[in-house]
Amino acid sequence: MAKKIGTVTHLYGKISVVILELDNALKVGDTLEFQTKDGGLSQKVDSIQIEHEQVEKAKKGDAIGLKVSAEVLESVREGDEAFLAEA
């Protein structure tokens, strides 16, 4: 089973960013699978921000900003979970 990475806590539509509260570590280059009511959507992690600072990785407990595609932004809702995609 895929490892749960975190939960969506906020959405910022104008800048295509979701805020994730992390349950596990995440790094740039990982691929996330968002579980939505409409199914799953994948998103490669191209950048991570913590408090508006660009970082390469984040740890459990961090709240991160993640730039997402328009498709992900349209489908994801607060409370949806993100998992590390299986390689």
PDB file of N, CA and C in Angstrom:
ATOM      1  N   MET A   1       0.835  -1.194   0.000  1.00  0.00           N
ATOM      2  CA  MET A   1       0.000   0.000   0.000  1.00  0.00           C
ATOM      3  C   MET A   1       0.871   1.246   0.000  1.00  0.00           C
ATOM      4  N   ALA A   2       0.391   2.281  -0.659  1.00  0.00           N
ATOM      5  CA  ALA A   2       1.149   3.527  -0.760  1.00  0.00           C
ATOM      6  C   ALA A   2       1.251   4.208   0.609  1.00  0.00           C
ATOM      7  N   LYS A   3       2.346   4.880   0.822  1.00  0.00           N
ATOM      8  CA  LYS A   3       2.608   5.563   2.087  1.00  0.00           C
ATOM      9  C   LYS A   3       1.921   6.928   2.094  1.00  0.00           C
ATOM     10  N   LYS A   4       1.107   7.182   3.120  1.00  0.00           N
ATOM     11  CA  LYS A   4       0.437   8.480   3.234  1.00  0.00           C
ATOM     12  C   LYS A   4       1.484   9.550   3.546  1.00  0.00           C
ATOM     13  N   ILE A   5       1.462  10.613   2.759  1.00  0.00           N
ATOM     14  CA  ILE A   5       2.399  11.719   2.949  1.00  0.00           C
ATOM     15  C   ILE A   5       1.762  12.837   3.757  1.00  0.00           C
ATOM     16  N   GLY A   6       0.507  13.149   3.472  1.00  0.00           N
ATOM     17  CA  GLY A   6      -0.118  14.242   4.204  1.00  0.00           C
ATOM     18  C   GLY A   6      -1.547  14.504   3.787  1.00  0.00           C
ATOM     19  N   THR A   7      -2.089  15.572   4.362  1.00  0.00           N
ATOM     20  CA  THR A   7      -3.472  15.969   4.133  1.00  0.00           C
ATOM     21  C   THR A   7      -3.515  17.418   3.655  1.00  0.00           C
ATOM     22  N   VAL A   8      -4.358  17.673   2.663  1.00  0.00           N
ATOM     23  CA  VAL A   8      -4.539  19.026   2.147  1.00  0.00           C
ATOM     24  C   VAL A   8      -5.285  19.849   3.197  1.00  0.00           C
ATOM     25  N   THR A   9      -4.705  20.979   3.605  1.00  0.00           N
ATOM     26  CA  THR A   9      -5.364  21.831   4.591  1.00  0.00           C
ATOM     27  C   THR A   9      -5.865  23.150   4.001  1.00  0.00           C
ATOM     28  N   HIS A  10      -5.253  23.608   2.906  1.00  0.00           N
ATOM     29  CA  HIS A  10      -5.677  24.859   2.254  1.00  0.00           C
ATOM     30  C   HIS A  10      -5.417  24.772   0.760  1.00  0.00           C
ATOM     31  N   LEU A  11      -6.179  25.568   0.005  1.00  0.00           N
ATOM     32  CA  LEU A  11      -6.001  25.689  -1.442  1.00  0.00           C
ATOM     33  C   LEU A  11      -5.891  27.165  -1.790  1.00  0.00           C
ATOM     34  N   TYR A  12      -4.937  27.503  -2.651  1.00  0.00           N
ATOM     35  CA  TYR A  12      -4.779  28.871  -3.129  1.00  0.00           C
ATOM     36  C   TYR A  12      -4.888  28.852  -4.647  1.00  0.00           C
ATOM     37  N   GLY A  13      -6.111  29.058  -5.154  1.00  0.00           N
ATOM     38  CA  GLY A  13      -6.394  28.940  -6.573  1.00  0.00           C
ATOM     39  C   GLY A  13      -5.636  29.892  -7.469  1.00  0.00           C
ATOM     40  N   LYS A  14      -5.503  31.143  -7.048  1.00  0.00           N
ATOM     41  CA  LYS A  14      -4.860  32.136  -7.918  1.00  0.00           C
ATOM     42  C   LYS A  14      -3.404  31.819  -8.193  1.00  0.00           C
ATOM     43  N   ILE A  15      -2.743  31.141  -7.259  1.00  0.00           N
ATOM     44  CA  ILE A  15      -1.321  30.814  -7.451  1.00  0.00           C
ATOM     45  C   ILE A  15      -1.088  29.310  -7.628  1.00  0.00           C
ATOM     46  N   SER A  16      -2.170  28.539  -7.750  1.00  0.00           N
ATOM     47  CA  SER A  16      -2.109  27.078  -7.973  1.00  0.00           C
ATOM     48  C   SER A  16      -1.243  26.368  -6.933  1.00  0.00           C
ATOM     49  N   VAL A  17      -1.529  26.638  -5.664  1.00  0.00           N
ATOM     50  CA  VAL A  17      -0.762  26.043  -4.572  1.00  0.00           C
ATOM     51  C   VAL A  17      -1.719  25.348  -3.602  1.00  0.00           C
ATOM     52  N   VAL A  18      -1.298  24.163  -3.136  1.00  0.00           N
ATOM     53  CA  VAL A  18      -2.000  23.497  -2.042  1.00  0.00           C
ATOM     54  C   VAL A  18      -1.070  23.478  -0.840  1.00  0.00           C
ATOM     55  N   ILE A  19      -1.655  23.546   0.340  1.00  0.00           N
ATOM     56  CA  ILE A  19      -0.892  23.416   1.575  1.00  0.00           C
ATOM     57  C   ILE A  19      -1.137  22.009   2.104  1.00  0.00           C
ATOM     58  N   LEU A  20      -0.044  21.299   2.365  1.00  0.00           N
ATOM     59  CA  LEU A  20      -0.114  19.939   2.898  1.00  0.00           C
ATOM     60  C   LEU A  20       0.470  19.919   4.302  1.00  0.00           C
ATOM     61  N   GLU A  21      -0.243  19.293   5.214  1.00  0.00           N
ATOM     62  CA  GLU A  21       0.272  18.999   6.555  1.00  0.00           C
ATOM     63  C   GLU A  21       0.868  17.600   6.453  1.00  0.00           C
ATOM     64  N   LEU A  22       2.185  17.491   6.644  1.00  0.00           N
ATOM     65  CA  LEU A  22       2.877  16.228   6.377  1.00  0.00           C
ATOM     66  C   LEU A  22       2.811  15.226   7.518  1.00  0.00           C
ATOM     67  N   ASP A  23       2.523  13.962   7.142  1.00  0.00           N
ATOM     68  CA  ASP A  23       2.577  12.823   8.060  1.00  0.00           C
ATOM     69  C   ASP A  23       3.893  12.067   7.898  1.00  0.00           C
ATOM     70  N   ASN A  24       4.581  12.305   6.776  1.00  0.00           N
ATOM     71  CA  ASN A  24       5.859  11.665   6.473  1.00  0.00           C
ATOM     72  C   ASN A  24       6.707  12.640   5.661  1.00  0.00           C
ATOM     73  N   ALA A  25       7.997  12.343   5.551  1.00  0.00           N
ATOM     74  CA  ALA A  25       8.923  13.197   4.810  1.00  0.00           C
ATOM     75  C   ALA A  25       8.595  13.208   3.320  1.00  0.00           C
ATOM     76  N   LEU A  26       8.952  14.310   2.667  1.00  0.00           N
ATOM     77  CA  LEU A  26       8.738  14.492   1.237  1.00  0.00           C
ATOM     78  C   LEU A  26       9.918  15.262   0.681  1.00  0.00           C
ATOM     79  N   LYS A  27      10.322  14.941  -0.558  1.00  0.00           N
ATOM     80  CA  LYS A  27      11.428  15.673  -1.171  1.00  0.00           C
ATOM     81  C   LYS A  27      11.096  16.019  -2.616  1.00  0.00           C
ATOM     82  N   VAL A  28      11.785  17.030  -3.133  1.00  0.00           N
ATOM     83  CA  VAL A  28      11.633  17.410  -4.532  1.00  0.00           C
ATOM     84  C   VAL A  28      12.018  16.206  -5.388  1.00  0.00           C
ATOM     85  N   GLY A  29      11.207  15.929  -6.401  1.00  0.00           N
ATOM     86  CA  GLY A  29      11.430  14.779  -7.271  1.00  0.00           C
ATOM     87  C   GLY A  29      10.472  13.632  -6.992  1.00  0.00           C
ATOM     88  N   ASP A  30       9.899  13.595  -5.780  1.00  0.00           N
ATOM     89  CA  ASP A  30       8.895  12.585  -5.463  1.00  0.00           C
ATOM     90  C   ASP A  30       7.638  12.833  -6.301  1.00  0.00           C
ATOM     91  N   THR A  31       6.826  11.806  -6.446  1.00  0.00           N
ATOM     92  CA  THR A  31       5.533  11.952  -7.118  1.00  0.00           C
ATOM     93  C   THR A  31       4.432  11.635  -6.116  1.00  0.00           C
ATOM     94  N   LEU A  32       3.473  12.550  -6.037  1.00  0.00           N
ATOM     95  CA  LEU A  32       2.345  12.373  -5.129  1.00  0.00           C
ATOM     96  C   LEU A  32       1.129  11.874  -5.883  1.00  0.00           C
ATOM     97  N   GLU A  33       0.310  11.128  -5.190  1.00  0.00           N
ATOM     98  CA  GLU A  33      -0.986  10.668  -5.694  1.00  0.00           C
ATOM     99  C   GLU A  33      -2.033  11.257  -4.758  1.00  0.00           C
ATOM    100  N   PHE A  34      -2.837  12.188  -5.268  1.00  0.00           N
ATOM    101  CA  PHE A  34      -3.906  12.775  -4.463  1.00  0.00           C
ATOM    102  C   PHE A  34      -5.145  11.918  -4.588  1.00  0.00           C
ATOM    103  N   GLN A  35      -5.722  11.519  -3.458  1.00  0.00           N
ATOM    104  CA  GLN A  35      -6.950  10.735  -3.451  1.00  0.00           C
ATOM    105  C   GLN A  35      -8.119  11.700  -3.277  1.00  0.00           C
ATOM    106  N   THR A  36      -8.912  11.835  -4.342  1.00  0.00           N
ATOM    107  CA  THR A  36     -10.053  12.752  -4.324  1.00  0.00           C
ATOM    108  C   THR A  36     -11.337  11.950  -4.483  1.00  0.00           C
ATOM    109  N   LYS A  37     -12.466  12.624  -4.335  1.00  0.00           N
ATOM    110  CA  LYS A  37     -13.750  11.935  -4.497  1.00  0.00           C
ATOM    111  C   LYS A  37     -13.923  11.418  -5.922  1.00  0.00           C
ATOM    112  N   ASP A  38     -13.183  11.997  -6.873  1.00  0.00           N
ATOM    113  CA  ASP A  38     -13.274  11.592  -8.277  1.00  0.00           C
ATOM    114  C   ASP A  38     -12.212  10.561  -8.663  1.00  0.00           C
ATOM    115  N   GLY A  39     -11.392  10.131  -7.716  1.00  0.00           N
ATOM    116  CA  GLY A  39     -10.335   9.164  -8.025  1.00  0.00           C
ATOM    117  C   GLY A  39      -8.973   9.704  -7.617  1.00  0.00           C
ATOM    118  N   GLY A  40      -7.946   9.264  -8.311  1.00  0.00           N
ATOM    119  CA  GLY A  40      -6.587   9.677  -7.974  1.00  0.00           C
ATOM    120  C   GLY A  40      -5.964  10.530  -9.060  1.00  0.00           C
ATOM    121  N   LEU A  41      -5.145  11.481  -8.649  1.00  0.00           N
ATOM    122  CA  LEU A  41      -4.418  12.341  -9.575  1.00  0.00           C
ATOM    123  C   LEU A  41      -2.962  12.395  -9.142  1.00  0.00           C
ATOM    124  N   SER A  42      -2.051  12.268 -10.108  1.00  0.00           N
ATOM    125  CA  SER A  42      -0.624  12.324  -9.796  1.00  0.00           C
ATOM    126  C   SER A  42      -0.074  13.722 -10.008  1.00  0.00           C
ATOM    127  N   GLN A  43       0.926  14.055  -9.209  1.00  0.00           N
ATOM    128  CA  GLN A  43       1.601  15.350  -9.332  1.00  0.00           C
ATOM    129  C   GLN A  43       3.052  15.172  -8.908  1.00  0.00           C
ATOM    130  N   LYS A  44       3.982  15.489  -9.813  1.00  0.00           N
ATOM    131  CA  LYS A  44       5.404  15.445  -9.463  1.00  0.00           C
ATOM    132  C   LYS A  44       5.730  16.667  -8.613  1.00  0.00           C
ATOM    133  N   VAL A  45       6.554  16.461  -7.599  1.00  0.00           N
ATOM    134  CA  VAL A  45       6.955  17.554  -6.713  1.00  0.00           C
ATOM    135  C   VAL A  45       8.147  18.277  -7.346  1.00  0.00           C
ATOM    136  N   ASP A  46       7.883  19.477  -7.878  1.00  0.00           N
ATOM    137  CA  ASP A  46       8.938  20.267  -8.509  1.00  0.00           C
ATOM    138  C   ASP A  46       9.550  21.274  -7.546  1.00  0.00           C
ATOM    139  N   SER A  47       8.759  21.685  -6.559  1.00  0.00           N
ATOM    140  CA  SER A  47       9.283  22.623  -5.562  1.00  0.00           C
ATOM    141  C   SER A  47       8.462  22.502  -4.286  1.00  0.00           C
ATOM    142  N   ILE A  48       9.124  22.770  -3.176  1.00  0.00           N
ATOM    143  CA  ILE A  48       8.489  22.748  -1.860  1.00  0.00           C
ATOM    144  C   ILE A  48       8.825  24.061  -1.181  1.00  0.00           C
ATOM    145  N   GLN A  49       7.836  24.669  -0.559  1.00  0.00           N
ATOM    146  CA  GLN A  49       8.085  25.878   0.229  1.00  0.00           C
ATOM    147  C   GLN A  49       7.577  25.689   1.649  1.00  0.00           C
ATOM    148  N   ILE A  50       8.367  26.178   2.589  1.00  0.00           N
ATOM    149  CA  ILE A  50       7.980  26.236   3.992  1.00  0.00           C
ATOM    150  C   ILE A  50       8.151  27.695   4.412  1.00  0.00           C
ATOM    151  N   GLU A  51       7.054  28.316   4.852  1.00  0.00           N
ATOM    152  CA  GLU A  51       7.091  29.741   5.234  1.00  0.00           C
ATOM    153  C   GLU A  51       7.712  30.595   4.128  1.00  0.00           C
ATOM    154  N   HIS A  52       7.323  30.364   2.882  1.00  0.00           N
ATOM    155  CA  HIS A  52       7.765  31.112   1.697  1.00  0.00           C
ATOM    156  C   HIS A  52       9.239  30.911   1.361  1.00  0.00           C
ATOM    157  N   GLU A  53       9.894  29.943   1.988  1.00  0.00           N
ATOM    158  CA  GLU A  53      11.289  29.618   1.690  1.00  0.00           C
ATOM    159  C   GLU A  53      11.343  28.329   0.888  1.00  0.00           C
ATOM    160  N   GLN A  54      12.096  28.354  -0.213  1.00  0.00           N
ATOM    161  CA  GLN A  54      12.271  27.175  -1.047  1.00  0.00           C
ATOM    162  C   GLN A  54      13.150  26.157  -0.307  1.00  0.00           C
ATOM    163  N   VAL A  55      12.699  24.908  -0.241  1.00  0.00           N
ATOM    164  CA  VAL A  55      13.475  23.841   0.399  1.00  0.00           C
ATOM    165  C   VAL A  55      13.493  22.613  -0.515  1.00  0.00           C
ATOM    166  N   GLU A  56      14.462  21.737  -0.315  1.00  0.00           N
ATOM    167  CA  GLU A  56      14.577  20.511  -1.113  1.00  0.00           C
ATOM    168  C   GLU A  56      13.786  19.356  -0.503  1.00  0.00           C
ATOM    169  N   LYS A  57      13.606  19.405   0.821  1.00  0.00           N
ATOM    170  CA  LYS A  57      12.857  18.338   1.489  1.00  0.00           C
ATOM    171  C   LYS A  57      12.161  18.894   2.718  1.00  0.00           C
ATOM    172  N   ALA A  58      11.136  18.169   3.153  1.00  0.00           N
ATOM    173  CA  ALA A  58      10.369  18.559   4.331  1.00  0.00           C
ATOM    174  C   ALA A  58      10.147  17.311   5.174  1.00  0.00           C
ATOM    175  N   LYS A  59       9.944  17.519   6.475  1.00  0.00           N
ATOM    176  CA  LYS A  59       9.804  16.388   7.393  1.00  0.00           C
ATOM    177  C   LYS A  59       8.401  16.298   7.966  1.00  0.00           C
ATOM    178  N   LYS A  60       8.134  15.178   8.611  1.00  0.00           N
ATOM    179  CA  LYS A  60       6.850  14.952   9.272  1.00  0.00           C
ATOM    180  C   LYS A  60       6.538  16.141  10.180  1.00  0.00           C
ATOM    181  N   GLY A  61       5.292  16.612  10.113  1.00  0.00           N
ATOM    182  CA  GLY A  61       4.865  17.727  10.948  1.00  0.00           C
ATOM    183  C   GLY A  61       4.943  19.080  10.260  1.00  0.00           C
ATOM    184  N   ASP A  62       5.707  19.173   9.162  1.00  0.00           N
ATOM    185  CA  ASP A  62       5.810  20.434   8.433  1.00  0.00           C
ATOM    186  C   ASP A  62       4.517  20.718   7.672  1.00  0.00           C
ATOM    187  N   ALA A  63       4.200  21.988   7.528  1.00  0.00           N
ATOM    188  CA  ALA A  63       3.126  22.431   6.634  1.00  0.00           C
ATOM    189  C   ALA A  63       3.828  23.049   5.434  1.00  0.00           C
ATOM    190  N   ILE A  64       3.601  22.471   4.255  1.00  0.00           N
ATOM    191  CA  ILE A  64       4.327  22.915   3.069  1.00  0.00           C
ATOM    192  C   ILE A  64       3.392  23.468   2.010  1.00  0.00           C
ATOM    193  N   GLY A  65       3.937  24.357   1.194  1.00  0.00           N
ATOM    194  CA  GLY A  65       3.252  24.842   0.012  1.00  0.00           C
ATOM    195  C   GLY A  65       3.775  24.068  -1.180  1.00  0.00           C
ATOM    196  N   LEU A  66       2.848  23.608  -2.028  1.00  0.00           N
ATOM    197  CA  LEU A  66       3.211  22.778  -3.167  1.00  0.00           C
ATOM    198  C   LEU A  66       2.495  23.295  -4.405  1.00  0.00           C
ATOM    199  N   LYS A  67       3.267  23.678  -5.425  1.00  0.00           N
ATOM    200  CA  LYS A  67       2.685  24.137  -6.687  1.00  0.00           C
ATOM    201  C   LYS A  67       2.086  22.928  -7.401  1.00  0.00           C
ATOM    202  N   VAL A  68       0.846  23.053  -7.880  1.00  0.00           N
ATOM    203  CA  VAL A  68       0.167  21.941  -8.533  1.00  0.00           C
ATOM    204  C   VAL A  68      -0.405  22.361  -9.880  1.00  0.00           C
ATOM    205  N   SER A  69      -0.724  21.361 -10.690  1.00  0.00           N
ATOM    206  CA  SER A  69      -1.325  21.620 -12.003  1.00  0.00           C
ATOM    207  C   SER A  69      -2.767  22.101 -11.841  1.00  0.00           C
ATOM    208  N   ALA A  70      -3.295  22.690 -12.908  1.00  0.00           N
ATOM    209  CA  ALA A  70      -4.679  23.159 -12.896  1.00  0.00           C
ATOM    210  C   ALA A  70      -5.636  21.992 -12.665  1.00  0.00           C
ATOM    211  N   GLU A  71      -5.329  20.832 -13.242  1.00  0.00           N
ATOM    212  CA  GLU A  71      -6.183  19.645 -13.088  1.00  0.00           C
ATOM    213  C   GLU A  71      -6.265  19.220 -11.620  1.00  0.00           C
ATOM    214  N   VAL A  72      -5.105  19.181 -10.955  1.00  0.00           N
ATOM    215  CA  VAL A  72      -5.089  18.815  -9.540  1.00  0.00           C
ATOM    216  C   VAL A  72      -5.846  19.866  -8.731  1.00  0.00           C
ATOM    217  N   LEU A  73      -5.592  21.134  -8.989  1.00  0.00           N
ATOM    218  CA  LEU A  73      -6.230  22.214  -8.239  1.00  0.00           C
ATOM    219  C   LEU A  73      -7.751  22.162  -8.353  1.00  0.00           C
ATOM    220  N   GLU A  74      -8.266  21.817  -9.539  1.00  0.00           N
ATOM    221  CA  GLU A  74      -9.719  21.741  -9.745  1.00  0.00           C
ATOM    222  C   GLU A  74     -10.357  20.590  -8.986  1.00  0.00           C
ATOM    223  N   SER A  75      -9.608  19.505  -8.774  1.00  0.00           N
ATOM    224  CA  SER A  75     -10.176  18.287  -8.193  1.00  0.00           C
ATOM    225  C   SER A  75      -9.952  18.133  -6.698  1.00  0.00           C
ATOM    226  N   VAL A  76      -8.842  18.664  -6.203  1.00  0.00           N
ATOM    227  CA  VAL A  76      -8.470  18.464  -4.797  1.00  0.00           C
ATOM    228  C   VAL A  76      -9.274  19.394  -3.900  1.00  0.00           C
ATOM    229  N   ARG A  77      -9.652  18.875  -2.744  1.00  0.00           N
ATOM    230  CA  ARG A  77     -10.387  19.648  -1.739  1.00  0.00           C
ATOM    231  C   ARG A  77      -9.677  19.543  -0.403  1.00  0.00           C
ATOM    232  N   GLU A  78      -9.946  20.495   0.475  1.00  0.00           N
ATOM    233  CA  GLU A  78      -9.392  20.426   1.830  1.00  0.00           C
ATOM    234  C   GLU A  78      -9.835  19.117   2.470  1.00  0.00           C
ATOM    235  N   GLY A  79      -8.906  18.445   3.116  1.00  0.00           N
ATOM    236  CA  GLY A  79      -9.195  17.167   3.744  1.00  0.00           C
ATOM    237  C   GLY A  79      -8.790  15.976   2.891  1.00  0.00           C
ATOM    238  N   ASP A  80      -8.550  16.178   1.585  1.00  0.00           N
ATOM    239  CA  ASP A  80      -8.077  15.086   0.733  1.00  0.00           C
ATOM    240  C   ASP A  80      -6.669  14.680   1.165  1.00  0.00           C
ATOM    241  N   GLU A  81      -6.346  13.411   0.942  1.00  0.00           N
ATOM    242  CA  GLU A  81      -5.043  12.891   1.359  1.00  0.00           C
ATOM    243  C   GLU A  81      -4.123  12.706   0.167  1.00  0.00           C
ATOM    244  N   ALA A  82      -2.819  12.855   0.426  1.00  0.00           N
ATOM    245  CA  ALA A  82      -1.796  12.643  -0.596  1.00  0.00           C
ATOM    246  C   ALA A  82      -0.908  11.488  -0.177  1.00  0.00           C
ATOM    247  N   PHE A  83      -0.590  10.645  -1.137  1.00  0.00           N
ATOM    248  CA  PHE A  83       0.239   9.464  -0.911  1.00  0.00           C
ATOM    249  C   PHE A  83       1.448   9.506  -1.828  1.00  0.00           C
ATOM    250  N   LEU A  84       2.539   8.866  -1.406  1.00  0.00           N
ATOM    251  CA  LEU A  84       3.702   8.730  -2.264  1.00  0.00           C
ATOM    252  C   LEU A  84       3.356   7.716  -3.345  1.00  0.00           C
ATOM    253  N   ALA A  85       3.496   8.115  -4.611  1.00  0.00           N
ATOM    254  CA  ALA A  85       3.165   7.216  -5.714  1.00  0.00           C
ATOM    255  C   ALA A  85       4.133   6.041  -5.735  1.00  0.00           C
ATOM    256  N   GLU A  86       3.618   4.867  -6.039  1.00  0.00           N
ATOM    257  CA  GLU A  86       4.465   3.675  -6.136  1.00  0.00           C
ATOM    258  C   GLU A  86       5.387   3.814  -7.328  1.00  0.00           C
ATOM    259  N   ALA A  87       6.641   3.450  -7.155  1.00  0.00           N
ATOM    260  CA  ALA A  87       7.637   3.583  -8.246  1.00  0.00           C
ATOM    261  C   ALA A  87       7.399   2.539  -9.319  1.00  0.00           C
TER     262      ALA A  87
END
